[in-house]
């Protein structure tokens, strides 16, 4: 650790190193972060080019689920000269995320962008099939529905809410991306198209027994992103990790 820290210190960065034994690993990381008053956890990830996916470990997933502070999962690649940040928001709150979390995601994106002279894009996707399924849910006989009209209405509803938050945060219209489709397919595509350096998204864990809840297809979304990922928790989130670890005793 000291060998890794010295070049950073030479650049004027204050670096402290700590090596402790703890189990399981993710709990040890969370405990140390809380004890030190950390504002951010940064962890490496490994990209498997043959299958074009990030190989997230069990430790990665448990950190996503349990760490109370922002978690930055990084890839072994340098940023572009003008870094691109993508805020993945959910203005309709379809995935049980509080409204304030979208604001926090955009605040973080803008703060990071301002510090490195980068650019911020906002992203939101919706699945038109949900509206059709809702419309037919109570039908007892086969019905014919105006799919185009239903899809158009859904688009307008999402666009209205999306524009409300992007305009409030002064995101230019050409940097606001509203897409009809599945998040786990569309978000990696837009990140690749924009050559994004970081995607910022929110996460809520419904309870201590479940994994991360970002959406029904969270794992596929995260594992196929071609860039760094910064995950933000809501202010009220409380980690299930106990500060007194009986397993390490």
Protein backbone atom coordinates (compact mmCIF):
# COMPACT_ATOMS: atom_id res chain seq x y z
CA UNK A 1 0.00 0.00 0.00
CA UNK A 2 2.81 2.42 0.82
CA UNK A 3 4.42 1.74 -2.56
CA UNK A 4 1.16 2.71 -4.25
CA UNK A 5 0.69 5.75 -2.02
CA UNK A 6 4.11 7.37 -2.49
CA UNK A 7 3.61 8.63 -6.09
CA UNK A 8 0.33 10.22 -5.03
CA UNK A 9 2.01 11.93 -2.09
CA UNK A 10 4.68 13.21 -4.46
CA UNK A 11 1.85 14.94 -6.35
CA UNK A 12 0.78 16.70 -3.17
CA UNK A 13 -2.15 14.40 -2.32
CA UNK A 14 -2.61 13.46 1.33
CA UNK A 15 -2.79 9.66 1.43
CA UNK A 16 -3.27 7.42 4.46
CA UNK A 17 -2.97 3.65 4.20
CA UNK A 18 -4.64 1.05 6.40
CA UNK A 19 -4.51 -2.74 6.32
CA UNK A 20 -6.95 -4.63 8.54
CA UNK A 21 -8.32 -8.15 8.75
CA UNK A 22 -12.09 -8.34 8.45
CA UNK A 23 -14.72 -10.71 7.14
CA UNK A 24 -16.63 -10.66 4.92
CA UNK A 25 -14.60 -8.30 2.77
CA UNK A 26 -17.41 -5.94 1.78
CA UNK A 27 -18.43 -5.44 5.41
CA UNK A 28 -14.84 -4.61 6.32
CA UNK A 29 -14.74 -1.98 3.58
CA UNK A 30 -18.02 -0.43 4.71
CA UNK A 31 -16.95 -0.44 8.37
CA UNK A 32 -13.64 1.24 7.57
CA UNK A 33 -15.36 3.83 5.37
CA UNK A 34 -17.80 4.71 8.14
CA UNK A 35 -15.06 4.85 10.80
CA UNK A 36 -12.93 7.19 8.68
CA UNK A 37 -15.85 9.43 7.72
CA UNK A 38 -15.37 8.67 4.03
CA UNK A 39 -17.42 10.61 1.49
CA UNK A 40 -16.82 8.09 -1.29
CA UNK A 41 -15.72 4.49 -1.84
CA UNK A 42 -13.72 3.82 -5.01
CA UNK A 43 -13.25 0.22 -6.15
CA UNK A 44 -11.81 -1.40 -9.26
CA UNK A 45 -13.79 -3.63 -11.60
CA UNK A 46 -12.67 -5.96 -14.35
CA UNK A 47 -13.95 -5.80 -17.92
CA UNK A 48 -14.00 -9.01 -19.97
CA UNK A 49 -13.59 -7.84 -23.57
CA UNK A 50 -14.46 -11.23 -25.08
CA UNK A 51 -18.01 -11.04 -23.79
CA UNK A 52 -18.18 -7.22 -23.60
CA UNK A 53 -19.24 -7.17 -19.99
CA UNK A 54 -17.96 -6.15 -16.59
CA UNK A 55 -17.34 -9.05 -14.27
CA UNK A 56 -18.76 -7.79 -11.00
CA UNK A 57 -17.70 -9.85 -8.00
CA UNK A 58 -19.81 -10.82 -5.03
CA UNK A 59 -17.99 -8.10 -3.09
CA UNK A 60 -18.98 -5.52 -5.72
CA UNK A 61 -22.66 -6.49 -5.51
CA UNK A 62 -22.66 -6.45 -1.73
CA UNK A 63 -21.00 -3.03 -1.67
CA UNK A 64 -23.66 -1.75 -4.06
CA UNK A 65 -26.31 -3.13 -1.73
CA UNK A 66 -24.88 -2.05 1.62
CA UNK A 67 -22.51 0.91 1.44
CA UNK A 68 -24.22 4.11 2.64
CA UNK A 69 -21.92 6.53 0.83
CA UNK A 70 -21.52 6.89 -2.96
CA UNK A 71 -19.70 3.97 -4.59
CA UNK A 72 -17.50 4.53 -7.65
CA UNK A 73 -16.76 1.36 -9.61
CA UNK A 74 -13.89 2.17 -11.96
CA UNK A 75 -12.51 0.57 -15.08
CA UNK A 76 -8.81 0.53 -15.98
CA UNK A 77 -8.99 3.33 -18.52
CA UNK A 78 -8.18 7.02 -18.52
CA UNK A 79 -10.81 9.72 -18.85
CA UNK A 80 -11.18 11.68 -22.04
CA UNK A 81 -9.79 15.21 -22.10
CA UNK A 82 -13.36 16.48 -21.67
CA UNK A 83 -15.06 13.84 -19.49
CA UNK A 84 -18.68 12.93 -20.20
CA UNK A 85 -21.04 12.23 -17.30
CA UNK A 86 -24.43 10.57 -17.82
CA UNK A 87 -27.10 10.95 -15.13
CA UNK A 88 -29.53 8.02 -15.30
CA UNK A 89 -32.70 9.29 -13.65
CA UNK A 90 -36.21 7.99 -13.04
CA UNK A 91 -38.56 11.01 -12.92
CA UNK A 92 -41.65 8.78 -12.88
CA UNK A 93 -40.26 6.92 -9.83
CA UNK A 94 -41.20 3.59 -11.37
CA UNK A 95 -38.55 1.78 -9.36
CA UNK A 96 -39.51 3.08 -5.91
CA UNK A 97 -36.77 5.69 -5.95
CA UNK A 98 -37.55 8.93 -4.10
CA UNK A 99 -37.78 12.11 -6.16
CA UNK A 100 -34.91 13.70 -4.23
CA UNK A 101 -32.58 10.98 -5.48
CA UNK A 102 -32.87 12.23 -9.07
CA UNK A 103 -31.94 15.72 -7.89
CA UNK A 104 -28.94 14.34 -6.02
CA UNK A 105 -27.79 12.36 -9.07
CA UNK A 106 -27.87 15.49 -11.21
CA UNK A 107 -26.20 17.61 -8.51
CA UNK A 108 -23.36 15.09 -8.27
CA UNK A 109 -22.99 14.93 -12.06
CA UNK A 110 -22.80 18.70 -12.37
CA UNK A 111 -20.35 19.06 -9.47
CA UNK A 112 -18.03 16.44 -10.95
CA UNK A 113 -18.34 17.93 -14.41
CA UNK A 114 -17.57 21.44 -13.18
CA UNK A 115 -14.46 20.22 -11.37
CA UNK A 116 -12.94 18.69 -14.52
CA UNK A 117 -14.49 20.88 -17.23
CA UNK A 118 -16.68 18.03 -18.43
CA UNK A 119 -20.18 17.73 -19.88
CA UNK A 120 -23.39 16.35 -18.37
CA UNK A 121 -26.09 14.35 -20.14
CA UNK A 122 -29.36 13.14 -18.62
CA UNK A 123 -30.95 9.79 -19.55
CA UNK A 124 -34.34 8.21 -18.93
CA UNK A 125 -36.00 5.23 -20.60
CA UNK A 126 -39.51 3.82 -20.44
CA UNK A 127 -41.16 0.66 -21.72
CA UNK A 128 -44.35 1.34 -23.78
CA UNK A 129 -45.49 -2.23 -23.21
CA UNK A 130 -46.23 -1.36 -19.59
CA UNK A 131 -49.00 1.01 -20.66
CA UNK A 132 -50.55 -1.62 -22.94
CA UNK A 133 -50.37 -4.26 -20.22
CA UNK A 134 -52.06 -1.88 -17.79
CA UNK A 135 -54.80 -1.05 -20.28
CA UNK A 136 -55.62 -4.73 -20.86
CA UNK A 137 -55.20 -5.94 -17.29
CA UNK A 138 -58.91 -5.81 -16.48
CA UNK A 139 -60.20 -6.99 -19.85
CA UNK A 140 -62.20 -10.22 -19.68
CA UNK A 141 -62.42 -10.66 -23.44
CA UNK A 142 -59.92 -9.95 -26.25
CA UNK A 143 -59.82 -6.23 -26.98
CA UNK A 144 -58.34 -4.08 -29.71
CA UNK A 145 -56.47 -1.09 -28.38
CA UNK A 146 -55.00 1.97 -30.13
CA UNK A 147 -51.41 1.05 -29.36
CA UNK A 148 -49.98 4.09 -31.14
CA UNK A 149 -52.16 6.44 -29.11
CA UNK A 150 -51.28 4.70 -25.85
CA UNK A 151 -47.57 4.83 -26.68
CA UNK A 152 -47.79 8.50 -27.64
CA UNK A 153 -49.57 9.37 -24.39
CA UNK A 154 -46.96 7.49 -22.38
CA UNK A 155 -44.18 9.30 -24.24
CA UNK A 156 -45.78 12.67 -23.50
CA UNK A 157 -46.19 11.84 -19.81
CA UNK A 158 -42.57 10.77 -19.45
CA UNK A 159 -41.31 13.67 -21.55
CA UNK A 160 -43.16 16.18 -19.37
CA UNK A 161 -41.68 14.85 -16.13
CA UNK A 162 -38.24 14.39 -17.71
CA UNK A 163 -38.16 17.95 -19.03
CA UNK A 164 -39.30 19.36 -15.70
CA UNK A 165 -36.25 18.00 -13.91
CA UNK A 166 -33.73 18.56 -16.73
CA UNK A 167 -34.85 22.16 -17.23
CA UNK A 168 -34.73 22.76 -13.48
CA UNK A 169 -31.11 21.57 -13.46
CA UNK A 170 -30.33 23.55 -16.63
CA UNK A 171 -29.51 20.52 -18.78
CA UNK A 172 -29.58 21.52 -22.46
CA UNK A 173 -32.24 19.78 -24.54
CA UNK A 174 -29.60 18.28 -26.84
CA UNK A 175 -28.05 16.61 -23.79
CA UNK A 176 -31.34 15.18 -22.48
CA UNK A 177 -32.02 11.68 -23.82
CA UNK A 178 -35.52 10.20 -23.45
CA UNK A 179 -35.65 6.73 -24.98
CA UNK A 180 -38.42 4.18 -25.46
CA UNK A 181 -36.97 0.83 -24.51
CA UNK A 182 -35.58 -1.30 -21.71
CA UNK A 183 -33.04 0.35 -19.43
CA UNK A 184 -30.63 -2.57 -19.45
CA UNK A 185 -30.46 -2.31 -23.26
CA UNK A 186 -30.70 1.44 -23.81
CA UNK A 187 -28.42 2.80 -21.08
CA UNK A 188 -25.29 0.91 -22.21
CA UNK A 189 -26.05 1.97 -25.80
CA UNK A 190 -26.35 5.66 -24.96
CA UNK A 191 -23.23 5.48 -22.79
CA UNK A 192 -21.32 3.99 -25.70
CA UNK A 193 -22.74 6.48 -28.20
CA UNK A 194 -21.79 9.45 -26.02
CA UNK A 195 -18.42 7.90 -25.14
CA UNK A 196 -19.36 8.36 -21.50
CA UNK A 197 -16.67 8.25 -18.86
CA UNK A 198 -19.06 7.86 -15.91
CA UNK A 199 -22.71 6.85 -15.54
CA UNK A 200 -24.29 8.08 -12.30
CA UNK A 201 -27.40 6.27 -11.11
CA UNK A 202 -29.37 5.73 -7.92
CA UNK A 203 -29.88 2.59 -5.89
CA UNK A 204 -32.21 1.58 -3.11
CA UNK A 205 -32.15 -1.69 -1.21
CA UNK A 206 -35.70 -2.64 -0.24
CA UNK A 207 -34.56 -4.65 2.74
CA UNK A 208 -31.45 -6.27 4.14
CA UNK A 209 -32.28 -9.67 2.66
CA UNK A 210 -32.51 -8.52 -0.93
CA UNK A 211 -29.82 -7.39 -3.26
CA UNK A 212 -29.65 -4.01 -4.84
CA UNK A 213 -32.85 -2.76 -6.41
CA UNK A 214 -32.22 -0.45 -9.37
CA UNK A 215 -34.78 -2.08 -11.59
CA UNK A 216 -35.94 -5.51 -12.59
CA UNK A 217 -32.84 -6.00 -14.74
CA UNK A 218 -30.21 -4.23 -12.66
CA UNK A 219 -27.48 -6.80 -13.12
CA UNK A 220 -27.65 -6.78 -16.90
CA UNK A 221 -27.58 -2.98 -16.91
CA UNK A 222 -24.54 -2.67 -14.69
CA UNK A 223 -22.55 -5.48 -16.24
CA UNK A 224 -22.83 -4.09 -19.77
CA UNK A 225 -21.95 -0.46 -19.12
CA UNK A 226 -18.79 0.46 -21.07
CA UNK A 227 -17.61 3.03 -18.51
CA UNK A 228 -17.20 3.83 -14.82
CA UNK A 229 -20.29 3.64 -12.63
CA UNK A 230 -21.08 5.92 -9.68
CA UNK A 231 -23.95 4.73 -7.49
CA UNK A 232 -25.80 7.13 -5.19
CA UNK A 233 -28.01 6.15 -2.23
CA UNK A 234 -30.88 8.23 -0.83
CA UNK A 235 -30.17 10.24 2.34
CA UNK A 236 -32.37 7.98 4.46
CA UNK A 237 -30.53 4.79 3.52
CA UNK A 238 -29.11 2.88 6.49
CA UNK A 239 -26.54 0.17 5.95
CA UNK A 240 -27.31 -3.29 7.34
CA UNK A 241 -23.59 -3.70 8.12
CA UNK A 242 -22.95 -3.75 11.87
CA UNK A 243 -20.01 -1.81 13.24
CA UNK A 244 -19.21 -4.61 15.71
CA UNK A 245 -18.08 -7.58 13.65
CA UNK A 246 -18.30 -10.81 15.62
CA UNK A 247 -16.94 -12.89 12.71
CA UNK A 248 -13.61 -11.03 12.73
CA UNK A 249 -13.22 -11.34 16.48
